[in-house]
């Protein structure tokens, strides 16, 4: 991603298509000089106050009126990007938006690349990298919990927690390095016993953050749930019942589902990614075998298995094949005893797993099933005390941080010289710096911001 951070950029900040309003953003050194050539506010540009909406007329190159708009002026550094910026609120017709964009492009303004406004905010010190990532997560949030996690990170809870740790580490690294300057005089600026105690206090919250990754990832991307069972046991009916819509085709014919069907469901603020799979049974049908391969893939990727059995029938060979499939799994499994509206020949006592009785056709027992799905992960997210990480990048940086801190601690225990301790403390600081963006690598930045929408 080749970006210039000294030119002026423009992009629509609202989705393409027809709407009542559209928002167009400009940022960069030539923002106001370009705007003066095509926008005439009701007040003069010299009297245009910052951070206030003002009615204005937008003119094309022939000085003909294009649209009556509202504009908001932001003067550096008091803007999102830290640069001179302008927001234009125009009517939301695609031709109006394109005409305004074309006018600025003719004046030498460049169309922004994905995430470039946020990247400029990061490069200009308005936000750190964790907050920049959180902006993307805010836009993508699908549930209450994922929204709250994104807001926490955007407001800087994780950044603040890390900054407290790095402040102490920097102080000790500086003192240890100062000892090296006076090594011939055998001076000790840091009490080793106190430093060892302090290292333990720093390692504990880093370890806690690392442990939070699986929780944070599930809050952010959702819990993958594979619905498995023999053909015609009611898997597709269960999917439709949970979604409250006819998403999957349901017939009396066994083996109707040959491919995996994926849909998402919000249960009390937590996202569940439901996967309806092909029925598991012994078969030689080539198409069914392909479906069974995808079923195995869904099971491998699942965080939770809903194993469906027909409780109105005794276990048969296909049911026992399904039991074999789940008995060797280390992941969470819920047995769903379907067709509770019919006389039962199976009960919870027939299984070694937690079970829930439902009738997918009569919509009975679904609330109990949802409660069991919630309990299986205990995904209650209390933002008042939990700080979570939610990305592999976060986990990898903190793993390196933890490794260096542990090495520094070992050096302390083994009474090694200040040089060995300081090297690992500095390395830990660098790892945290990559996490927050205080140490920036272009490949990391390009990967992060390439996923943003244009105009953000």
Foldseek 3Di string as FASTA:
>chain_A
DDDDLAAKAKDWQDDADADFKTKMKMFHDCAVVLCVVFKCFPDHPVPQDAPDWTWIFGAAPVRDTLFTWIKHWAPACRDQLRTTMMMIMTGGDNVSVVRVVVRSVVVVHHYDAFQPSLVSSCVVPVAWPQLSLLVQLCVVDDFPLSNLLSVCSNVPVVVVVVVVLLVVLVVLLVQLVVCVVVVVVVDHRDDLVVVLVVLVVSLVVLVVQLVQAVLQQCLRPNAEEEEAAAWPLCLQLLVCLQVVHNPDDDDNDTFPALAWDWDWDADPGGIYIYIYATYQDDDDDPSNVNRVVNSVVSVVPGQEYEYEGAQQDDDDPSRVVSVVVPVPDPHHYEYEHEDPVHDGPDDPVVDPHHYFYYYSVVSPRVVVVSVVVCVSVVSDDDPVDDNYDHDPLLSVLSVLLSVLSVQLSVCSVVVHGSVSNSVSSVSSSVSVCPVRVVPPDPVVVCVSRNPGGRPD
